Amino acid sequence: MCVTKNRSLRDIQELFDFGIRIFGENKVQEAQSKFTDNLLKQIELHLIGPLQTNKVKNALRLFDIIQSVDRKKLIDEIVKEKKKLAIKTHSYFIQVNIGEEKQKSGVLPDDLEGLYDYALDSGLQIIGLMCIPPADLDPSTFFQKMLIIKNKINYNLKLSMGMSQDYNLALKYETNLIRVGSRIFE
């Protein structure tokens, strides 16, 4: 997936012309301002940043996949809006705060299974788990922990982990989706 945070529509169009079809954005409003309806019909757009409940309605209309489900309140808001809207979003990842960092979003590993079950019981199509390991530590430990957790909860879930600086390590731990941005734009 190509992360286009802080990139222009021109940059996105160049990537599209090159053959990129999966894009990731961190913010709902930024994505709304950059992606045209025509382009949205031809790509898969993922929300990879935190989602506030007051932005759920717009996110469900814009993104194919939301990777940052992390709490019951957010699940409840998604379910409520899904009943009222024609939505584009068809699948979800649960974001795991794998490093248990206070400043980061994501469900804590010990609370993941309960949230996963709640999401499924609420009717969300959970297809994977996403994490961002602590920046100052070796990510291998955290990627390995994510793989173990995923296999314990549901072997068929996908993993979204690894970014420009650590994607090679994430691949060793069976990630299905890496989020690359800065490396592409070097």
C-alpha atoms as a PDB file:
ATOM      1  CA  MET A   1       0.000   0.000   0.000  1.00  0.00           C
ATOM      2  CA  CYS A   2       1.258   3.448  -0.866  1.00  0.00           C
ATOM      3  CA  VAL A   3       0.747   5.967   1.929  1.00  0.00           C
ATOM      4  CA  THR A   4       0.024   9.390   0.480  1.00  0.00           C
ATOM      5  CA  LYS A   5      -0.227  11.434   3.668  1.00  0.00           C
ATOM      6  CA  ASN A   6       0.804  15.037   2.945  1.00  0.00           C
ATOM      7  CA  ARG A   7       1.112  14.279  -0.783  1.00  0.00           C
ATOM      8  CA  SER A   8      -0.593  16.123  -3.615  1.00  0.00           C
ATOM      9  CA  LEU A   9      -3.186  14.862  -6.058  1.00  0.00           C
ATOM     10  CA  ARG A  10      -0.471  15.157  -8.700  1.00  0.00           C
ATOM     11  CA  ASP A  11       1.742  12.733  -6.724  1.00  0.00           C
ATOM     12  CA  ILE A  12      -1.192  10.347  -6.354  1.00  0.00           C
ATOM     13  CA  GLN A  13      -1.965  10.527 -10.066  1.00  0.00           C
ATOM     14  CA  GLU A  14       1.666   9.719 -10.917  1.00  0.00           C
ATOM     15  CA  LEU A  15       1.529   6.657  -8.665  1.00  0.00           C
ATOM     16  CA  PHE A  16      -1.761   5.610 -10.220  1.00  0.00           C
ATOM     17  CA  ASP A  17      -0.295   5.997 -13.705  1.00  0.00           C
ATOM     18  CA  PHE A  18       2.603   3.809 -12.562  1.00  0.00           C
ATOM     19  CA  GLY A  19       0.147   1.060 -11.554  1.00  0.00           C
ATOM     20  CA  ILE A  20      -0.409   1.593  -7.830  1.00  0.00           C
ATOM     21  CA  ARG A  21      -4.012   0.726  -6.864  1.00  0.00           C
ATOM     22  CA  ILE A  22      -3.927   0.511  -3.054  1.00  0.00           C
ATOM     23  CA  PHE A  23      -3.532   3.781  -1.167  1.00  0.00           C
ATOM     24  CA  GLY A  24      -3.515   4.659   2.520  1.00  0.00           C
ATOM     25  CA  GLU A  25      -4.410   7.927   4.198  1.00  0.00           C
ATOM     26  CA  ASN A  26      -4.140   8.982   7.819  1.00  0.00           C
ATOM     27  CA  LYS A  27      -6.925  11.574   7.940  1.00  0.00           C
ATOM     28  CA  VAL A  28     -10.471  11.604   6.629  1.00  0.00           C
ATOM     29  CA  GLN A  29     -10.488  15.304   5.711  1.00  0.00           C
ATOM     30  CA  GLU A  30      -7.174  15.146   3.863  1.00  0.00           C
ATOM     31  CA  ALA A  31      -8.354  12.161   1.833  1.00  0.00           C
ATOM     32  CA  GLN A  32     -11.619  13.928   0.990  1.00  0.00           C
ATOM     33  CA  SER A  33      -9.701  16.871  -0.414  1.00  0.00           C
ATOM     34  CA  LYS A  34      -7.367  14.758  -2.585  1.00  0.00           C
ATOM     35  CA  PHE A  35      -9.205  11.794  -4.055  1.00  0.00           C
ATOM     36  CA  THR A  36     -11.643  12.471  -6.889  1.00  0.00           C
ATOM     37  CA  ASP A  37     -14.748  10.329  -7.408  1.00  0.00           C
ATOM     38  CA  ASN A  38     -13.298   9.010 -10.651  1.00  0.00           C
ATOM     39  CA  LEU A  39     -10.053   7.950  -8.970  1.00  0.00           C
ATOM     40  CA  LEU A  40     -11.909   6.396  -6.026  1.00  0.00           C
ATOM     41  CA  LYS A  41     -13.745   4.073  -8.422  1.00  0.00           C
ATOM     42  CA  GLN A  42     -10.413   2.679  -9.645  1.00  0.00           C
ATOM     43  CA  ILE A  43      -8.462   2.216  -6.407  1.00  0.00           C
ATOM     44  CA  GLU A  44      -8.741   0.696  -2.966  1.00  0.00           C
ATOM     45  CA  LEU A  45      -8.432   3.380  -0.275  1.00  0.00           C
ATOM     46  CA  HIS A  46      -7.552   2.501   3.325  1.00  0.00           C
ATOM     47  CA  LEU A  47      -7.873   4.676   6.412  1.00  0.00           C
ATOM     48  CA  ILE A  48      -4.767   3.940   8.453  1.00  0.00           C
ATOM     49  CA  GLY A  49      -4.947   6.772  10.984  1.00  0.00           C
ATOM     50  CA  PRO A  50      -7.104   7.094  14.102  1.00  0.00           C
ATOM     51  CA  LEU A  51     -10.815   7.582  13.466  1.00  0.00           C
ATOM     52  CA  GLN A  52     -12.865   9.904  15.630  1.00  0.00           C
ATOM     53  CA  THR A  53     -16.517   8.975  16.038  1.00  0.00           C
ATOM     54  CA  ASN A  54     -17.630  12.333  14.599  1.00  0.00           C
ATOM     55  CA  LYS A  55     -15.843  11.469  11.323  1.00  0.00           C
ATOM     56  CA  VAL A  56     -17.326   7.978  10.898  1.00  0.00           C
ATOM     57  CA  LYS A  57     -20.051   9.029   8.443  1.00  0.00           C
ATOM     58  CA  ASN A  58     -17.533  10.620   6.066  1.00  0.00           C
ATOM     59  CA  ALA A  59     -15.056   7.760   6.466  1.00  0.00           C
ATOM     60  CA  LEU A  60     -17.660   5.129   5.579  1.00  0.00           C
ATOM     61  CA  ARG A  61     -18.485   6.966   2.358  1.00  0.00           C
ATOM     62  CA  LEU A  62     -14.844   7.412   1.326  1.00  0.00           C
ATOM     63  CA  PHE A  63     -12.712   4.442   2.367  1.00  0.00           C
ATOM     64  CA  ASP A  64     -12.924   0.849   1.184  1.00  0.00           C
ATOM     65  CA  ILE A  65     -11.186  -0.429   4.308  1.00  0.00           C
ATOM     66  CA  ILE A  66     -10.752   1.113   7.746  1.00  0.00           C
ATOM     67  CA  GLN A  67      -7.672  -0.223   9.529  1.00  0.00           C
ATOM     68  CA  SER A  68      -8.021   1.708  12.771  1.00  0.00           C
ATOM     69  CA  VAL A  69     -10.958   0.166  14.636  1.00  0.00           C
ATOM     70  CA  ASP A  70      -9.835   0.220  18.254  1.00  0.00           C
ATOM     71  CA  ARG A  71     -12.767   0.599  20.669  1.00  0.00           C
ATOM     72  CA  LYS A  72     -16.390  -0.388  21.250  1.00  0.00           C
ATOM     73  CA  LYS A  73     -17.652   3.184  20.973  1.00  0.00           C
ATOM     74  CA  LEU A  74     -16.219   3.411  17.456  1.00  0.00           C
ATOM     75  CA  ILE A  75     -17.746   0.060  16.489  1.00  0.00           C
ATOM     76  CA  ASP A  76     -21.129   1.219  17.795  1.00  0.00           C
ATOM     77  CA  GLU A  77     -20.916   4.426  15.735  1.00  0.00           C
ATOM     78  CA  ILE A  78     -19.935   2.511  12.588  1.00  0.00           C
ATOM     79  CA  VAL A  79     -22.859   0.121  13.036  1.00  0.00           C
ATOM     80  CA  LYS A  80     -25.264   3.012  13.636  1.00  0.00           C
ATOM     81  CA  GLU A  81     -24.124   4.871  10.502  1.00  0.00           C
ATOM     82  CA  LYS A  82     -24.064   1.701   8.372  1.00  0.00           C
ATOM     83  CA  LYS A  83     -27.800   1.326   8.998  1.00  0.00           C
ATOM     84  CA  LYS A  84     -28.488   4.841   7.698  1.00  0.00           C
ATOM     85  CA  LEU A  85     -26.055   5.227   4.811  1.00  0.00           C
ATOM     86  CA  ALA A  86     -25.057   3.763   1.511  1.00  0.00           C
ATOM     87  CA  ILE A  87     -21.412   3.134   2.368  1.00  0.00           C
ATOM     88  CA  LYS A  88     -18.229   2.297   0.521  1.00  0.00           C
ATOM     89  CA  THR A  89     -16.416   0.626   3.425  1.00  0.00           C
ATOM     90  CA  HIS A  90     -16.666  -3.141   3.218  1.00  0.00           C
ATOM     91  CA  SER A  91     -13.936  -4.393   5.583  1.00  0.00           C
ATOM     92  CA  TYR A  92     -12.128  -3.480   8.762  1.00  0.00           C
ATOM     93  CA  PHE A  93      -8.885  -4.140  10.604  1.00  0.00           C
ATOM     94  CA  ILE A  94      -8.529  -3.823  14.359  1.00  0.00           C
ATOM     95  CA  GLN A  95      -5.623  -1.626  15.359  1.00  0.00           C
ATOM     96  CA  VAL A  96      -3.543  -3.166  18.136  1.00  0.00           C
ATOM     97  CA  ASN A  97      -1.376  -1.012  20.391  1.00  0.00           C
ATOM     98  CA  ILE A  98       1.255  -3.732  20.340  1.00  0.00           C
ATOM     99  CA  GLY A  99       3.829  -1.700  22.264  1.00  0.00           C
ATOM    100  CA  GLU A 100       1.242  -0.634  24.862  1.00  0.00           C
ATOM    101  CA  GLU A 101       2.244   2.990  24.359  1.00  0.00           C
ATOM    102  CA  LYS A 102       0.061   5.549  26.126  1.00  0.00           C
ATOM    103  CA  GLN A 103       0.313   8.090  23.303  1.00  0.00           C
ATOM    104  CA  LYS A 104      -0.818   5.661  20.578  1.00  0.00           C
ATOM    105  CA  SER A 105      -4.232   4.512  19.456  1.00  0.00           C
ATOM    106  CA  GLY A 106      -5.168   0.875  19.373  1.00  0.00           C
ATOM    107  CA  VAL A 107      -6.627  -1.767  21.602  1.00  0.00           C
ATOM    108  CA  LEU A 108      -4.222  -3.310  24.102  1.00  0.00           C
ATOM    109  CA  PRO A 109      -3.214  -6.895  23.284  1.00  0.00           C
ATOM    110  CA  ASP A 110      -4.956  -8.278  26.388  1.00  0.00           C
ATOM    111  CA  ASP A 111      -8.241  -6.631  25.323  1.00  0.00           C
ATOM    112  CA  LEU A 112      -8.049  -7.583  21.644  1.00  0.00           C
ATOM    113  CA  GLU A 113      -9.964 -10.843  21.684  1.00  0.00           C
ATOM    114  CA  GLY A 114     -12.941  -9.233  23.442  1.00  0.00           C
ATOM    115  CA  LEU A 115     -13.014  -6.350  20.968  1.00  0.00           C
ATOM    116  CA  TYR A 116     -12.675  -8.737  18.026  1.00  0.00           C
ATOM    117  CA  ASP A 117     -15.650 -10.768  19.252  1.00  0.00           C
ATOM    118  CA  TYR A 118     -17.653  -7.587  19.868  1.00  0.00           C
ATOM    119  CA  ALA A 119     -16.924  -6.354  16.350  1.00  0.00           C
ATOM    120  CA  LEU A 120     -17.973  -9.664  14.799  1.00  0.00           C
ATOM    121  CA  ASP A 121     -21.126  -9.813  16.937  1.00  0.00           C
ATOM    122  CA  SER A 122     -21.900  -6.254  15.762  1.00  0.00           C
ATOM    123  CA  GLY A 123     -21.712  -7.342  12.139  1.00  0.00           C
ATOM    124  CA  LEU A 124     -18.386  -5.833  11.116  1.00  0.00           C
ATOM    125  CA  GLN A 125     -16.362  -7.708   8.523  1.00  0.00           C
ATOM    126  CA  ILE A 126     -13.028  -7.883  10.389  1.00  0.00           C
ATOM    127  CA  ILE A 127     -10.391  -9.086   7.950  1.00  0.00           C
ATOM    128  CA  GLY A 128      -7.209  -8.263   9.812  1.00  0.00           C
ATOM    129  CA  LEU A 129      -5.113  -6.701  12.528  1.00  0.00           C
ATOM    130  CA  MET A 130      -2.926  -3.617  12.185  1.00  0.00           C
ATOM    131  CA  CYS A 131      -0.095  -2.333  14.364  1.00  0.00           C
ATOM    132  CA  ILE A 132       2.630   0.275  14.525  1.00  0.00           C
ATOM    133  CA  PRO A 133       5.452  -0.876  16.826  1.00  0.00           C
ATOM    134  CA  PRO A 134       7.360   1.559  19.042  1.00  0.00           C
ATOM    135  CA  ALA A 135       9.710   3.681  16.943  1.00  0.00           C
ATOM    136  CA  ASP A 136      12.681   3.375  19.269  1.00  0.00           C
ATOM    137  CA  LEU A 137      12.711  -0.415  19.696  1.00  0.00           C
ATOM    138  CA  ASP A 138      13.448  -3.382  17.434  1.00  0.00           C
ATOM    139  CA  PRO A 139      10.145  -4.086  15.663  1.00  0.00           C
ATOM    140  CA  SER A 140      10.863  -7.818  15.247  1.00  0.00           C
ATOM    141  CA  THR A 141       9.613  -8.634  18.746  1.00  0.00           C
ATOM    142  CA  PHE A 142       6.361  -6.793  18.106  1.00  0.00           C
ATOM    143  CA  PHE A 143       5.817  -8.274  14.642  1.00  0.00           C
ATOM    144  CA  GLN A 144       6.347 -11.753  16.069  1.00  0.00           C
ATOM    145  CA  LYS A 145       3.886 -11.017  18.881  1.00  0.00           C
ATOM    146  CA  MET A 146       1.290  -9.831  16.333  1.00  0.00           C
ATOM    147  CA  LEU A 147       1.677 -13.040  14.327  1.00  0.00           C
ATOM    148  CA  ILE A 148       1.182 -15.145  17.459  1.00  0.00           C
ATOM    149  CA  ILE A 149      -1.868 -13.121  18.528  1.00  0.00           C
ATOM    150  CA  LYS A 150      -3.391 -13.287  15.040  1.00  0.00           C
ATOM    151  CA  ASN A 151      -2.942 -17.046  14.839  1.00  0.00           C
ATOM    152  CA  LYS A 152      -4.503 -17.468  18.281  1.00  0.00           C
ATOM    153  CA  ILE A 153      -7.579 -15.379  17.456  1.00  0.00           C
ATOM    154  CA  ASN A 154      -8.121 -16.360  13.820  1.00  0.00           C
ATOM    155  CA  TYR A 155      -5.436 -17.828  11.583  1.00  0.00           C
ATOM    156  CA  ASN A 156      -7.195 -16.423   8.494  1.00  0.00           C
ATOM    157  CA  LEU A 157      -6.912 -12.778   9.532  1.00  0.00           C
ATOM    158  CA  LYS A 158      -4.527 -10.568   7.584  1.00  0.00           C
ATOM    159  CA  LEU A 159      -1.727  -8.551   9.141  1.00  0.00           C
ATOM    160  CA  SER A 160      -1.045  -4.930   8.257  1.00  0.00           C
ATOM    161  CA  MET A 161       2.348  -4.118   9.697  1.00  0.00           C
ATOM    162  CA  GLY A 162       5.582  -2.719   8.428  1.00  0.00           C
ATOM    163  CA  MET A 163       6.389   0.688   7.017  1.00  0.00           C
ATOM    164  CA  SER A 164       9.161   2.216   4.909  1.00  0.00           C
ATOM    165  CA  GLN A 165      11.843   1.673   7.556  1.00  0.00           C
ATOM    166  CA  ASP A 166      10.914  -1.847   8.735  1.00  0.00           C
ATOM    167  CA  TYR A 167       8.901  -3.568   6.006  1.00  0.00           C
ATOM    168  CA  ASN A 168      11.621  -6.183   5.375  1.00  0.00           C
ATOM    169  CA  LEU A 169      11.302  -7.368   8.971  1.00  0.00           C
ATOM    170  CA  ALA A 170       7.493  -7.352   8.772  1.00  0.00           C
ATOM    171  CA  LEU A 171       7.654  -9.599   5.724  1.00  0.00           C
ATOM    172  CA  LYS A 172       9.568 -12.180   7.788  1.00  0.00           C
ATOM    173  CA  TYR A 173       6.588 -12.285  10.162  1.00  0.00           C
ATOM    174  CA  GLU A 174       4.034 -12.916   7.432  1.00  0.00           C
ATOM    175  CA  THR A 175       2.549  -9.462   7.020  1.00  0.00           C
ATOM    176  CA  ASN A 176       0.011  -9.291   4.223  1.00  0.00           C
ATOM    177  CA  LEU A 177       0.104  -5.550   3.789  1.00  0.00           C
ATOM    178  CA  ILE A 178       2.941  -3.082   4.246  1.00  0.00           C
ATOM    179  CA  ARG A 179       2.441   0.667   4.398  1.00  0.00           C
ATOM    180  CA  VAL A 180       5.152   2.421   2.395  1.00  0.00           C
ATOM    181  CA  GLY A 181       5.246   6.180   1.899  1.00  0.00           C
ATOM    182  CA  SER A 182       8.517   7.956   2.509  1.00  0.00           C
ATOM    183  CA  ARG A 183      10.537   5.312   0.624  1.00  0.00           C
ATOM    184  CA  ILE A 184       8.465   5.820  -2.500  1.00  0.00           C
ATOM    185  CA  PHE A 185       8.911   9.564  -2.459  1.00  0.00           C
ATOM    186  CA  GLU A 186      12.689   9.606  -1.847  1.00  0.00           C
END
